[in-house]
PDB file of N, CA and C in Angstrom:
ATOM      1  N   MET A   1     154.953 233.714 128.152  1.00  0.00           N
ATOM      2  CA  MET A   1     154.393 234.975 127.699  1.00  0.00           C
ATOM      3  C   MET A   1     154.082 235.832 128.928  1.00  0.00           C
ATOM      4  N   THR A   2     154.389 237.080 128.825  1.00  0.00           N
ATOM      5  CA  THR A   2     154.050 238.009 129.886  1.00  0.00           C
ATOM      6  C   THR A   2     152.634 238.512 129.651  1.00  0.00           C
ATOM      7  N   LEU A   3     151.797 238.367 130.656  1.00  0.00           N
ATOM      8  CA  LEU A   3     150.416 238.810 130.536  1.00  0.00           C
ATOM      9  C   LEU A   3     150.295 240.256 130.980  1.00  0.00           C
ATOM     10  N   ASN A   4     149.455 240.995 130.279  1.00  0.00           N
ATOM     11  CA  ASN A   4     149.136 242.363 130.681  1.00  0.00           C
ATOM     12  C   ASN A   4     147.640 242.581 130.473  1.00  0.00           C
ATOM     13  N   MET A   5     147.169 243.788 130.736  1.00  0.00           N
ATOM     14  CA  MET A   5     145.735 244.069 130.658  1.00  0.00           C
ATOM     15  C   MET A   5     145.168 243.915 129.250  1.00  0.00           C
ATOM     16  N   LYS A   6     146.013 243.957 128.236  1.00  0.00           N
ATOM     17  CA  LYS A   6     145.520 243.871 126.857  1.00  0.00           C
ATOM     18  C   LYS A   6     145.480 242.447 126.323  1.00  0.00           C
ATOM     19  N   ASN A   7     146.264 241.518 126.886  1.00  0.00           N
ATOM     20  CA  ASN A   7     146.329 240.193 126.269  1.00  0.00           C
ATOM     21  C   ASN A   7     145.885 239.040 127.174  1.00  0.00           C
ATOM     22  N   TYR A   8     145.368 239.346 128.358  1.00  0.00           N
ATOM     23  CA  TYR A   8     144.969 238.236 129.214  1.00  0.00           C
ATOM     24  C   TYR A   8     143.452 238.067 129.191  1.00  0.00           C
ATOM     25  N   LYS A   9     143.017 236.842 129.511  1.00  0.00           N
ATOM     26  CA  LYS A   9     141.605 236.535 129.678  1.00  0.00           C
ATOM     27  C   LYS A   9     141.456 235.860 131.033  1.00  0.00           C
ATOM     28  N   GLY A  10     140.418 236.240 131.746  1.00  0.00           N
ATOM     29  CA  GLY A  10     140.181 235.635 133.052  1.00  0.00           C
ATOM     30  C   GLY A  10     139.226 234.453 132.943  1.00  0.00           C
ATOM     31  N   TYR A  11     139.510 233.412 133.709  1.00  0.00           N
ATOM     32  CA  TYR A  11     138.635 232.250 133.785  1.00  0.00           C
ATOM     33  C   TYR A  11     138.706 231.713 135.200  1.00  0.00           C
ATOM     34  N   GLU A  12     137.547 231.656 135.877  1.00  0.00           N
ATOM     35  CA  GLU A  12     137.485 231.227 137.266  1.00  0.00           C
ATOM     36  C   GLU A  12     138.517 231.958 138.127  1.00  0.00           C
ATOM     37  N   LYS A  13     138.569 233.278 137.948  1.00  0.00           N
ATOM     38  CA  LYS A  13     139.436 234.186 138.714  1.00  0.00           C
ATOM     39  C   LYS A  13     140.928 233.907 138.521  1.00  0.00           C
ATOM     40  N   LYS A  14     141.300 233.307 137.384  1.00  0.00           N
ATOM     41  CA  LYS A  14     142.712 233.074 137.079  1.00  0.00           C
ATOM     42  C   LYS A  14     143.000 233.657 135.702  1.00  0.00           C
ATOM     43  N   PRO A  15     144.195 234.247 135.526  1.00  0.00           N
ATOM     44  CA  PRO A  15     144.528 234.828 134.218  1.00  0.00           C
ATOM     45  C   PRO A  15     145.094 233.783 133.257  1.00  0.00           C
ATOM     46  N   TYR A  16     144.737 233.905 131.980  1.00  0.00           N
ATOM     47  CA  TYR A  16     145.239 233.005 130.931  1.00  0.00           C
ATOM     48  C   TYR A  16     145.564 233.824 129.695  1.00  0.00           C
ATOM     49  N   CYS A  17     146.523 233.330 128.921  1.00  0.00           N
ATOM     50  CA  CYS A  17     146.743 233.906 127.604  1.00  0.00           C
ATOM     51  C   CYS A  17     145.735 233.253 126.667  1.00  0.00           C
ATOM     52  N   ASN A  18     145.618 233.782 125.464  1.00  0.00           N
ATOM     53  CA  ASN A  18     144.635 233.261 124.515  1.00  0.00           C
ATOM     54  C   ASN A  18     144.896 231.796 124.171  1.00  0.00           C
ATOM     55  N   ALA A  19     146.161 231.402 124.053  1.00  0.00           N
ATOM     56  CA  ALA A  19     146.497 230.033 123.665  1.00  0.00           C
ATOM     57  C   ALA A  19     146.124 229.008 124.734  1.00  0.00           C
ATOM     58  N   HIS A  20     146.178 229.396 125.995  1.00  0.00           N
ATOM     59  CA  HIS A  20     145.923 228.449 127.081  1.00  0.00           C
ATOM     60  C   HIS A  20     144.586 228.673 127.792  1.00  0.00           C
ATOM     61  N   TYR A  21     143.749 229.563 127.246  1.00  0.00           N
ATOM     62  CA  TYR A  21     142.442 229.823 127.831  1.00  0.00           C
ATOM     63  C   TYR A  21     141.589 228.548 127.738  1.00  0.00           C
ATOM     64  N   PRO A  22     140.982 228.103 128.833  1.00  0.00           N
ATOM     65  CA  PRO A  22     140.172 226.867 128.792  1.00  0.00           C
ATOM     66  C   PRO A  22     139.027 226.989 127.794  1.00  0.00           C
ATOM     67  N   LYS A  23     138.926 226.016 126.938  1.00  0.00           N
ATOM     68  CA  LYS A  23     137.876 226.003 125.925  1.00  0.00           C
ATOM     69  C   LYS A  23     136.638 225.326 126.503  1.00  0.00           C
ATOM     70  N   GLN A  24     135.488 225.900 126.177  1.00  0.00           N
ATOM     71  CA  GLN A  24     134.235 225.281 126.584  1.00  0.00           C
ATOM     72  C   GLN A  24     133.890 224.220 125.548  1.00  0.00           C
ATOM     73  N   SER A  25     133.742 223.011 126.004  1.00  0.00           N
ATOM     74  CA  SER A  25     133.371 221.950 125.063  1.00  0.00           C
ATOM     75  C   SER A  25     132.089 221.299 125.542  1.00  0.00           C
ATOM     76  N   PHE A  26     131.325 220.819 124.601  1.00  0.00           N
ATOM     77  CA  PHE A  26     130.064 220.186 124.900  1.00  0.00           C
ATOM     78  C   PHE A  26     130.197 218.693 124.637  1.00  0.00           C
ATOM     79  N   THR A  27     129.563 217.941 125.470  1.00  0.00           N
ATOM     80  CA  THR A  27     129.586 216.499 125.252  1.00  0.00           C
ATOM     81  C   THR A  27     128.315 216.098 124.526  1.00  0.00           C
ATOM     82  N   MET A  28     128.465 215.207 123.604  1.00  0.00           N
ATOM     83  CA  MET A  28     127.313 214.713 122.861  1.00  0.00           C
ATOM     84  C   MET A  28     126.718 213.535 123.613  1.00  0.00           C
ATOM     85  N   VAL A  29     125.412 213.442 123.557  1.00  0.00           N
ATOM     86  CA  VAL A  29     124.726 212.316 124.163  1.00  0.00           C
ATOM     87  C   VAL A  29     124.395 211.350 123.035  1.00  0.00           C
ATOM     88  N   ALA A  30     124.838 210.134 123.202  1.00  0.00           N
ATOM     89  CA  ALA A  30     124.612 209.133 122.166  1.00  0.00           C
ATOM     90  C   ALA A  30     123.136 208.777 122.092  1.00  0.00           C
ATOM     91  N   ASP A  31     122.655 208.546 120.885  1.00  0.00           N
ATOM     92  CA  ASP A  31     121.279 208.113 120.682  1.00  0.00           C
ATOM     93  C   ASP A  31     121.174 206.615 120.925  1.00  0.00           C
ATOM     94  N   THR A  32     121.344 206.250 122.167  1.00  0.00           N
ATOM     95  CA  THR A  32     121.206 204.836 122.517  1.00  0.00           C
ATOM     96  C   THR A  32     119.721 204.496 122.527  1.00  0.00           C
ATOM     97  N   PRO A  33     119.380 203.241 122.408  1.00  0.00           N
ATOM     98  CA  PRO A  33     117.953 202.870 122.460  1.00  0.00           C
ATOM     99  C   PRO A  33     117.271 203.381 123.731  1.00  0.00           C
ATOM    100  N   GLU A  34     117.968 203.352 124.854  1.00  0.00           N
ATOM    101  CA  GLU A  34     117.377 203.823 126.104  1.00  0.00           C
ATOM    102  C   GLU A  34     117.144 205.329 126.072  1.00  0.00           C
ATOM    103  N   ASN A  35     118.111 206.103 125.558  1.00  0.00           N
ATOM    104  CA  ASN A  35     117.940 207.546 125.464  1.00  0.00           C
ATOM    105  C   ASN A  35     116.816 207.909 124.502  1.00  0.00           C
ATOM    106  N   LEU A  36     116.713 207.188 123.389  1.00  0.00           N
ATOM    107  CA  LEU A  36     115.633 207.440 122.437  1.00  0.00           C
ATOM    108  C   LEU A  36     114.280 207.125 123.075  1.00  0.00           C
ATOM    109  N   ARG A  37     114.216 206.045 123.860  1.00  0.00           N
ATOM    110  CA  ARG A  37     112.972 205.662 124.523  1.00  0.00           C
ATOM    111  C   ARG A  37     112.573 206.740 125.545  1.00  0.00           C
ATOM    112  N   LEU A  38     113.550 207.237 126.312  1.00  0.00           N
ATOM    113  CA  LEU A  38     113.272 208.278 127.294  1.00  0.00           C
ATOM    114  C   LEU A  38     112.796 209.568 126.625  1.00  0.00           C
ATOM    115  N   LYS A  39     113.423 209.916 125.515  1.00  0.00           N
ATOM    116  CA  LYS A  39     113.027 211.108 124.777  1.00  0.00           C
ATOM    117  C   LYS A  39     111.593 210.976 124.280  1.00  0.00           C
ATOM    118  N   GLN A  40     111.285 209.820 123.709  1.00  0.00           N
ATOM    119  CA  GLN A  40     109.932 209.589 123.195  1.00  0.00           C
ATOM    120  C   GLN A  40     108.917 209.609 124.341  1.00  0.00           C
ATOM    121  N   GLN A  41     109.250 208.996 125.459  1.00  0.00           N
ATOM    122  CA  GLN A  41     108.361 208.970 126.619  1.00  0.00           C
ATOM    123  C   GLN A  41     108.104 210.385 127.139  1.00  0.00           C
ATOM    124  N   SER A  42     109.145 211.194 127.180  1.00  0.00           N
ATOM    125  CA  SER A  42     109.010 212.572 127.634  1.00  0.00           C
ATOM    126  C   SER A  42     108.089 213.363 126.710  1.00  0.00           C
ATOM    127  N   GLU A  43     108.242 213.183 125.395  1.00  0.00           N
ATOM    128  CA  GLU A  43     107.386 213.873 124.429  1.00  0.00           C
ATOM    129  C   GLU A  43     105.933 213.426 124.570  1.00  0.00           C
ATOM    130  N   LEU A  44     105.721 212.129 124.775  1.00  0.00           N
ATOM    131  CA  LEU A  44     104.361 211.620 124.947  1.00  0.00           C
ATOM    132  C   LEU A  44     103.717 212.195 126.196  1.00  0.00           C
ATOM    133  N   GLN A  45     104.467 212.249 127.306  1.00  0.00           N
ATOM    134  CA  GLN A  45     103.931 212.809 128.543  1.00  0.00           C
ATOM    135  C   GLN A  45     103.566 214.278 128.360  1.00  0.00           C
ATOM    136  N   SER A  46     104.400 215.011 127.633  1.00  0.00           N
ATOM    137  CA  SER A  46     104.131 216.413 127.380  1.00  0.00           C
ATOM    138  C   SER A  46     102.844 216.564 126.569  1.00  0.00           C
ATOM    139  N   GLN A  47     102.659 215.726 125.562  1.00  0.00           N
ATOM    140  CA  GLN A  47     101.452 215.774 124.733  1.00  0.00           C
ATOM    141  C   GLN A  47     100.214 215.412 125.554  1.00  0.00           C
ATOM    142  N   VAL A  48     100.350 214.424 126.438  1.00  0.00           N
ATOM    143  CA  VAL A  48      99.223 214.005 127.277  1.00  0.00           C
ATOM    144  C   VAL A  48      98.820 215.153 128.199  1.00  0.00           C
ATOM    145  N   ARG A  49      99.790 215.790 128.829  1.00  0.00           N
ATOM    146  CA  ARG A  49      99.491 216.915 129.728  1.00  0.00           C
ATOM    147  C   ARG A  49      98.834 218.060 128.969  1.00  0.00           C
ATOM    148  N   TYR A  50      99.365 218.359 127.784  1.00  0.00           N
ATOM    149  CA  TYR A  50      98.799 219.441 126.980  1.00  0.00           C
ATOM    150  C   TYR A  50      97.358 219.127 126.631  1.00  0.00           C
ATOM    151  N   LYS A  51      97.100 217.890 126.205  1.00  0.00           N
ATOM    152  CA  LYS A  51      95.739 217.483 125.816  1.00  0.00           C
ATOM    153  C   LYS A  51      94.812 217.541 127.029  1.00  0.00           C
ATOM    154  N   GLU A  52      95.269 217.101 128.202  1.00  0.00           N
ATOM    155  CA  GLU A  52      94.450 217.168 129.411  1.00  0.00           C
ATOM    156  C   GLU A  52      94.072 218.613 129.729  1.00  0.00           C
ATOM    157  N   GLU A  53      95.053 219.527 129.674  1.00  0.00           N
ATOM    158  CA  GLU A  53      94.776 220.936 129.942  1.00  0.00           C
ATOM    159  C   GLU A  53      93.805 221.507 128.918  1.00  0.00           C
ATOM    160  N   PHE A  54      94.003 221.134 127.654  1.00  0.00           N
ATOM    161  CA  PHE A  54      93.137 221.619 126.587  1.00  0.00           C
ATOM    162  C   PHE A  54      91.704 221.149 126.819  1.00  0.00           C
ATOM    163  N   GLU A  55      91.537 219.861 127.108  1.00  0.00           N
ATOM    164  CA  GLU A  55      90.202 219.295 127.332  1.00  0.00           C
ATOM    165  C   GLU A  55      89.546 219.927 128.563  1.00  0.00           C
ATOM    166  N   LYS A  56      90.325 220.155 129.597  1.00  0.00           N
ATOM    167  CA  LYS A  56      89.791 220.729 130.827  1.00  0.00           C
ATOM    168  C   LYS A  56      89.275 222.150 130.590  1.00  0.00           C
ATOM    169  N   ASN A  57      89.979 222.920 129.763  1.00  0.00           N
ATOM    170  CA  ASN A  57      89.612 224.319 129.536  1.00  0.00           C
ATOM    171  C   ASN A  57      88.766 224.536 128.289  1.00  0.00           C
ATOM    172  N   LYS A  58      88.514 223.479 127.525  1.00  0.00           N
ATOM    173  CA  LYS A  58      87.752 223.603 126.278  1.00  0.00           C
ATOM    174  C   LYS A  58      86.338 224.083 126.600  1.00  0.00           C
ATOM    175  N   GLY A  59      85.874 225.026 125.811  1.00  0.00           N
ATOM    176  CA  GLY A  59      84.529 225.529 125.996  1.00  0.00           C
ATOM    177  C   GLY A  59      84.415 226.647 127.009  1.00  0.00           C
ATOM    178  N   LYS A  60      85.469 226.933 127.725  1.00  0.00           N
ATOM    179  CA  LYS A  60      85.423 228.016 128.710  1.00  0.00           C
ATOM    180  C   LYS A  60      85.654 229.381 128.054  1.00  0.00           C
ATOM    181  N   GLY A  61      86.133 229.359 126.816  1.00  0.00           N
ATOM    182  CA  GLY A  61      86.321 230.614 126.104  1.00  0.00           C
ATOM    183  C   GLY A  61      87.581 231.367 126.472  1.00  0.00           C
ATOM    184  N   PHE A  62      88.450 230.732 127.225  1.00  0.00           N
ATOM    185  CA  PHE A  62      89.700 231.389 127.574  1.00  0.00           C
ATOM    186  C   PHE A  62      90.772 230.332 127.788  1.00  0.00           C
ATOM    187  N   SER A  63      91.986 230.799 127.807  1.00  0.00           N
ATOM    188  CA  SER A  63      93.088 229.908 128.138  1.00  0.00           C
ATOM    189  C   SER A  63      93.910 230.558 129.243  1.00  0.00           C
ATOM    190  N   VAL A  64      94.563 229.749 130.027  1.00  0.00           N
ATOM    191  CA  VAL A  64      95.346 230.249 131.152  1.00  0.00           C
ATOM    192  C   VAL A  64      96.669 230.798 130.633  1.00  0.00           C
ATOM    193  N   VAL A  65      96.981 232.039 131.002  1.00  0.00           N
ATOM    194  CA  VAL A  65      98.230 232.678 130.613  1.00  0.00           C
ATOM    195  C   VAL A  65      98.888 233.204 131.878  1.00  0.00           C
ATOM    196  N   ALA A  66     100.157 232.937 132.024  1.00  0.00           N
ATOM    197  CA  ALA A  66     100.885 233.411 133.203  1.00  0.00           C
ATOM    198  C   ALA A  66     100.894 234.933 133.217  1.00  0.00           C
ATOM    199  N   ASP A  67     100.687 235.517 134.383  1.00  0.00           N
ATOM    200  CA  ASP A  67     100.668 236.963 134.531  1.00  0.00           C
ATOM    201  C   ASP A  67     102.080 237.453 134.819  1.00  0.00           C
ATOM    202  N   THR A  68     102.863 237.567 133.758  1.00  0.00           N
ATOM    203  CA  THR A  68     104.257 237.976 133.894  1.00  0.00           C
ATOM    204  C   THR A  68     104.363 239.500 133.941  1.00  0.00           C
ATOM    205  N   PRO A  69     105.475 240.037 134.428  1.00  0.00           N
ATOM    206  CA  PRO A  69     105.655 241.501 134.415  1.00  0.00           C
ATOM    207  C   PRO A  69     105.538 242.079 133.001  1.00  0.00           C
ATOM    208  N   GLU A  70     105.997 241.341 132.005  1.00  0.00           N
ATOM    209  CA  GLU A  70     105.911 241.830 130.619  1.00  0.00           C
ATOM    210  C   GLU A  70     104.453 241.925 130.181  1.00  0.00           C
ATOM    211  N   LEU A  71     103.646 240.907 130.508  1.00  0.00           N
ATOM    212  CA  LEU A  71     102.227 240.951 130.153  1.00  0.00           C
ATOM    213  C   LEU A  71     101.507 242.072 130.910  1.00  0.00           C
ATOM    214  N   GLN A  72     101.886 242.298 132.167  1.00  0.00           N
ATOM    215  CA  GLN A  72     101.291 243.402 132.924  1.00  0.00           C
ATOM    216  C   GLN A  72     101.622 244.748 132.278  1.00  0.00           C
ATOM    217  N   ARG A  73     102.853 244.903 131.811  1.00  0.00           N
ATOM    218  CA  ARG A  73     103.262 246.145 131.143  1.00  0.00           C
ATOM    219  C   ARG A  73     102.474 246.348 129.865  1.00  0.00           C
ATOM    220  N   ILE A  74     102.313 245.280 129.078  1.00  0.00           N
ATOM    221  CA  ILE A  74     101.569 245.366 127.819  1.00  0.00           C
ATOM    222  C   ILE A  74     100.114 245.735 128.094  1.00  0.00           C
ATOM    223  N   LYS A  75      99.515 245.093 129.093  1.00  0.00           N
ATOM    224  CA  LYS A  75      98.116 245.386 129.433  1.00  0.00           C
ATOM    225  C   LYS A  75      97.958 246.847 129.841  1.00  0.00           C
ATOM    226  N   LYS A  76      98.887 247.350 130.640  1.00  0.00           N
ATOM    227  CA  LYS A  76      98.824 248.747 131.071  1.00  0.00           C
ATOM    228  C   LYS A  76      98.932 249.684 129.864  1.00  0.00           C
ATOM    229  N   THR A  77      99.837 249.377 128.941  1.00  0.00           N
ATOM    230  CA  THR A  77      99.994 250.190 127.736  1.00  0.00           C
ATOM    231  C   THR A  77      98.725 250.164 126.894  1.00  0.00           C
ATOM    232  N   GLN A  78      98.130 248.974 126.740  1.00  0.00           N
ATOM    233  CA  GLN A  78      96.889 248.861 125.968  1.00  0.00           C
ATOM    234  C   GLN A  78      95.768 249.654 126.624  1.00  0.00           C
ATOM    235  N   ASP A  79      95.689 249.605 127.953  1.00  0.00           N
ATOM    236  CA  ASP A  79      94.667 250.363 128.664  1.00  0.00           C
ATOM    237  C   ASP A  79      94.851 251.864 128.440  1.00  0.00           C
ATOM    238  N   GLN A  80      96.113 252.321 128.459  1.00  0.00           N
ATOM    239  CA  GLN A  80      96.386 253.743 128.239  1.00  0.00           C
ATOM    240  C   GLN A  80      95.986 254.160 126.828  1.00  0.00           C
ATOM    241  N   ILE A  81      96.328 253.336 125.851  1.00  0.00           N
ATOM    242  CA  ILE A  81      95.976 253.641 124.454  1.00  0.00           C
ATOM    243  C   ILE A  81      94.454 253.675 124.299  1.00  0.00           C
ATOM    244  N   SER A  82      93.785 252.698 124.891  1.00  0.00           N
ATOM    245  CA  SER A  82      92.329 252.640 124.821  1.00  0.00           C
ATOM    246  C   SER A  82      91.710 253.884 125.449  1.00  0.00           C
ATOM    247  N   ASN A  83      92.241 254.312 126.576  1.00  0.00           N
ATOM    248  CA  ASN A  83      91.740 255.489 127.268  1.00  0.00           C
ATOM    249  C   ASN A  83      91.919 256.744 126.409  1.00  0.00           C
ATOM    250  N   ILE A  84      93.067 256.870 125.768  1.00  0.00           N
ATOM    251  CA  ILE A  84      93.334 258.018 124.896  1.00  0.00           C
ATOM    252  C   ILE A  84      92.352 258.022 123.728  1.00  0.00           C
ATOM    253  N   LYS A  85      92.170 256.863 123.090  1.00  0.00           N
ATOM    254  CA  LYS A  85      91.246 256.766 121.950  1.00  0.00           C
ATOM    255  C   LYS A  85      89.824 257.143 122.385  1.00  0.00           C
ATOM    256  N   TYR A  86      89.426 256.642 123.561  1.00  0.00           N
ATOM    257  CA  TYR A  86      88.080 256.941 124.066  1.00  0.00           C
ATOM    258  C   TYR A  86      87.896 258.446 124.209  1.00  0.00           C
ATOM    259  N   HIS A  87      88.888 259.124 124.839  1.00  0.00           N
ATOM    260  CA  HIS A  87      88.768 260.564 125.066  1.00  0.00           C
ATOM    261  C   HIS A  87      88.820 261.342 123.754  1.00  0.00           C
ATOM    262  N   GLU A  88      89.595 260.867 122.774  1.00  0.00           N
ATOM    263  CA  GLU A  88      89.625 261.521 121.462  1.00  0.00           C
ATOM    264  C   GLU A  88      88.248 261.458 120.814  1.00  0.00           C
ATOM    265  N   GLU A  89      87.636 260.259 120.841  1.00  0.00           N
ATOM    266  CA  GLU A  89      86.312 260.094 120.245  1.00  0.00           C
ATOM    267  C   GLU A  89      85.273 260.939 120.986  1.00  0.00           C
ATOM    268  N   PHE A  90      85.388 260.978 122.306  1.00  0.00           N
ATOM    269  CA  PHE A  90      84.459 261.773 123.108  1.00  0.00           C
ATOM    270  C   PHE A  90      84.564 263.255 122.745  1.00  0.00           C
ATOM    271  N   GLU A  91      85.798 263.760 122.635  1.00  0.00           N
ATOM    272  CA  GLU A  91      85.996 265.174 122.289  1.00  0.00           C
ATOM    273  C   GLU A  91      85.480 265.476 120.888  1.00  0.00           C
ATOM    274  N   LYS A  92      85.691 264.558 119.945  1.00  0.00           N
ATOM    275  CA  LYS A  92      85.178 264.757 118.585  1.00  0.00           C
ATOM    276  C   LYS A  92      83.661 264.837 118.596  1.00  0.00           C
ATOM    277  N   SER A  93      83.024 263.966 119.368  1.00  0.00           N
ATOM    278  CA  SER A  93      81.557 263.966 119.407  1.00  0.00           C
ATOM    279  C   SER A  93      81.022 265.236 120.072  1.00  0.00           C
ATOM    280  N   ARG A  94      81.753 265.793 121.020  1.00  0.00           N
ATOM    281  CA  ARG A  94      81.332 267.031 121.691  1.00  0.00           C
ATOM    282  C   ARG A  94      81.453 268.227 120.774  1.00  0.00           C
ATOM    283  N   MET A  95      82.472 268.223 119.914  1.00  0.00           N
ATOM    284  CA  MET A  95      82.710 269.352 119.020  1.00  0.00           C
ATOM    285  C   MET A  95      81.701 269.399 117.879  1.00  0.00           C
ATOM    286  N   GLY A  96      81.099 268.274 117.594  1.00  0.00           N
ATOM    287  CA  GLY A  96      80.133 268.242 116.499  1.00  0.00           C
ATOM    288  C   GLY A  96      80.820 267.966 115.183  1.00  0.00           C
ATOM    289  N   PRO A  97      80.051 267.981 114.090  1.00  0.00           N
ATOM    290  CA  PRO A  97      80.598 267.629 112.763  1.00  0.00           C
ATOM    291  C   PRO A  97      81.657 268.597 112.255  1.00  0.00           C
ATOM    292  N   SER A  98      81.669 269.851 112.702  1.00  0.00           N
ATOM    293  CA  SER A  98      82.652 270.805 112.181  1.00  0.00           C
ATOM    294  C   SER A  98      83.956 270.740 112.913  1.00  0.00           C
ATOM    295  N   GLY A  99      84.001 270.049 114.074  1.00  0.00           N
ATOM    296  CA  GLY A  99      85.201 270.028 114.906  1.00  0.00           C
ATOM    297  C   GLY A  99      86.201 269.098 114.395  1.00  0.00           C
TER     298      GLY A  99
END
């Protein structure tokens, strides 16, 4: 087959036609007794760590949250909204009941 810009697909910087394009395949991991044991052990360790963190922070009234750029953006937006609401209420109170 002659390849052109309309019928080729690139893979690892090499051109292929649709019929010979390398297929992505996934390998299954067998549920061997050892793999099941490792999975269960991993889940138990995760639960233990979670419980330790929970117990350590219990009663402090807060939980630790990563300060991501998305959370910073949300906080800034909330602060802006709060500021606008505050100024609206302030202006209403200055105008009196007829304002």
